Amino acid sequence: MKKIVLTILVAAFCLAAVAHRGPAPRPPMHGPRIHHAPPPPPPPHHRHHPHGAFWTGVGVGLVGSLLAPPPPPVVIQAAPQRVWVPPVYGERPIYRAGIYVGTERYVITPGYWTTSY
């Protein structure tokens, strides 16, 4: 298995190396040539910062967090709401003279209003 993976990787690198030959040769041009303005220089990458700038920022952040008081926690108090809790029903069979007549629904727990936050 390792030989197959290694062979595929080597083939991919070889194909990538052969695929890029450089620019194609241009055909000869007849007549005057047009000279274009050179492209603008690339923007600076700010690579001139010293290496200690990161740790300076970390130190300033830590000192600033120690000196500044923490903000008080935000407490959002919701108003109480009235909620209707529906009743719970049960069913039982009805027999008359030993013969099944039907079912009867009865209240196990009546419905009520409660306060919810």
Protein backbone atom coordinates (compact mmCIF):
# COMPACT_ATOMS: atom_id res chain seq x y z
CA MET A 1 0.00 0.00 0.00
CA LYS A 2 2.87 2.36 0.85
CA LYS A 3 4.49 1.72 -2.51
CA ILE A 4 1.30 2.69 -4.36
CA VAL A 5 0.92 5.94 -2.42
CA LEU A 6 4.62 6.76 -2.90
CA THR A 7 4.37 6.05 -6.64
CA ILE A 8 1.31 8.31 -6.98
CA LEU A 9 3.05 11.13 -5.09
CA VAL A 10 6.22 10.88 -7.22
CA ALA A 11 4.14 10.85 -10.41
CA ALA A 12 2.20 13.93 -9.27
CA PHE A 13 5.41 15.85 -8.51
CA CYS A 14 6.95 14.85 -11.86
CA LEU A 15 3.85 15.93 -13.77
CA ALA A 16 3.76 19.23 -11.91
CA ALA A 17 7.44 19.87 -12.71
CA VAL A 18 7.04 19.06 -16.40
CA ALA A 19 3.75 20.93 -16.81
CA HIS A 20 5.25 24.39 -16.18
CA ARG A 21 7.63 25.21 -18.99
CA GLY A 22 7.43 28.98 -18.82
CA PRO A 23 5.84 31.44 -21.24
CA ALA A 24 5.16 30.32 -24.80
CA PRO A 25 7.33 31.89 -27.51
CA ARG A 26 5.75 34.92 -29.13
CA PRO A 27 5.37 35.21 -32.86
CA PRO A 28 7.42 37.97 -34.51
CA MET A 29 5.64 41.31 -34.60
CA HIS A 30 5.72 43.62 -37.57
CA GLY A 31 5.28 47.35 -37.23
CA PRO A 32 5.64 49.70 -34.28
CA ARG A 33 5.45 48.34 -30.77
CA ILE A 34 3.15 49.81 -28.15
CA HIS A 35 4.86 50.62 -24.88
CA HIS A 36 2.57 50.40 -21.84
CA ALA A 37 3.11 52.11 -18.51
CA PRO A 38 4.66 49.86 -15.88
CA PRO A 39 2.28 48.48 -13.25
CA PRO A 40 2.09 50.32 -9.92
CA PRO A 41 4.30 49.00 -7.12
CA PRO A 42 2.68 46.48 -4.76
CA PRO A 43 1.41 47.77 -1.40
CA PRO A 44 3.76 47.39 1.57
CA HIS A 45 3.38 44.26 3.67
CA HIS A 46 4.41 45.84 6.98
CA ARG A 47 7.20 43.36 7.56
CA HIS A 48 9.32 45.95 9.36
CA HIS A 49 7.71 45.47 12.80
CA PRO A 50 9.97 44.07 15.49
CA HIS A 51 9.30 40.56 16.74
CA GLY A 52 8.46 41.78 20.25
CA ALA A 53 5.35 43.67 19.10
CA PHE A 54 3.13 40.66 19.80
CA TRP A 55 4.30 40.25 23.39
CA THR A 56 4.07 44.01 23.94
CA GLY A 57 0.42 43.85 22.92
CA VAL A 58 -0.20 40.91 25.23
CA GLY A 59 1.41 42.76 28.15
CA VAL A 60 -0.55 45.96 27.48
CA GLY A 61 -3.77 43.94 27.30
CA LEU A 62 -3.10 42.19 30.61
CA VAL A 63 -2.15 45.40 32.43
CA GLY A 64 -5.17 47.18 30.99
CA SER A 65 -7.50 44.39 32.10
CA LEU A 66 -6.05 44.54 35.63
CA LEU A 67 -6.38 48.33 35.93
CA ALA A 68 -9.83 48.75 34.39
CA PRO A 69 -12.76 47.65 36.58
CA PRO A 70 -14.86 44.85 35.08
CA PRO A 71 -18.26 45.92 33.78
CA PRO A 72 -21.23 44.97 35.96
CA PRO A 73 -23.21 41.97 34.74
CA VAL A 74 -26.31 42.75 32.73
CA VAL A 75 -29.45 41.34 34.32
CA ILE A 76 -32.60 41.24 32.22
CA GLN A 77 -35.62 40.70 34.41
CA ALA A 78 -38.59 39.28 32.57
CA ALA A 79 -42.09 40.19 33.65
CA PRO A 80 -44.12 37.29 35.07
CA GLN A 81 -46.61 35.76 32.66
CA ARG A 82 -49.87 34.02 33.30
CA VAL A 83 -49.93 30.55 31.77
CA TRP A 84 -52.97 28.26 31.45
CA VAL A 85 -52.27 24.66 32.39
CA PRO A 86 -54.90 22.50 30.65
CA PRO A 87 -56.86 19.88 32.58
CA VAL A 88 -55.95 16.20 32.50
CA TYR A 89 -58.76 13.87 31.48
CA GLY A 90 -59.25 10.16 31.94
CA GLU A 91 -61.66 7.71 30.32
CA ARG A 92 -63.48 4.80 31.86
CA PRO A 93 -65.94 2.31 30.35
CA ILE A 94 -69.67 2.49 31.11
CA TYR A 95 -71.67 -0.72 31.59
CA ARG A 96 -75.45 -0.89 32.03
CA ALA A 97 -76.91 -4.22 33.10
CA GLY A 98 -73.59 -5.88 32.23
CA ILE A 99 -73.63 -4.52 28.66
CA TYR A 100 -70.94 -2.14 27.43
CA VAL A 101 -72.55 1.21 26.56
CA GLY A 102 -69.53 3.48 25.86
CA THR A 103 -66.82 5.50 27.59
CA GLU A 104 -67.04 8.40 29.98
CA ARG A 105 -64.44 11.18 30.23
CA TYR A 106 -63.68 12.47 33.69
CA VAL A 107 -61.35 15.16 35.02
CA ILE A 108 -58.26 13.87 36.81
CA THR A 109 -56.67 17.30 37.41
CA PRO A 110 -58.64 20.48 36.69
CA GLY A 111 -57.06 23.22 34.56
CA TYR A 112 -55.61 26.26 36.32
CA TRP A 113 -53.68 29.51 35.76
CA THR A 114 -50.12 29.78 37.05
CA THR A 115 -47.43 32.45 37.00
CA SER A 116 -44.35 31.68 34.92
CA TYR A 117 -41.12 33.63 34.59
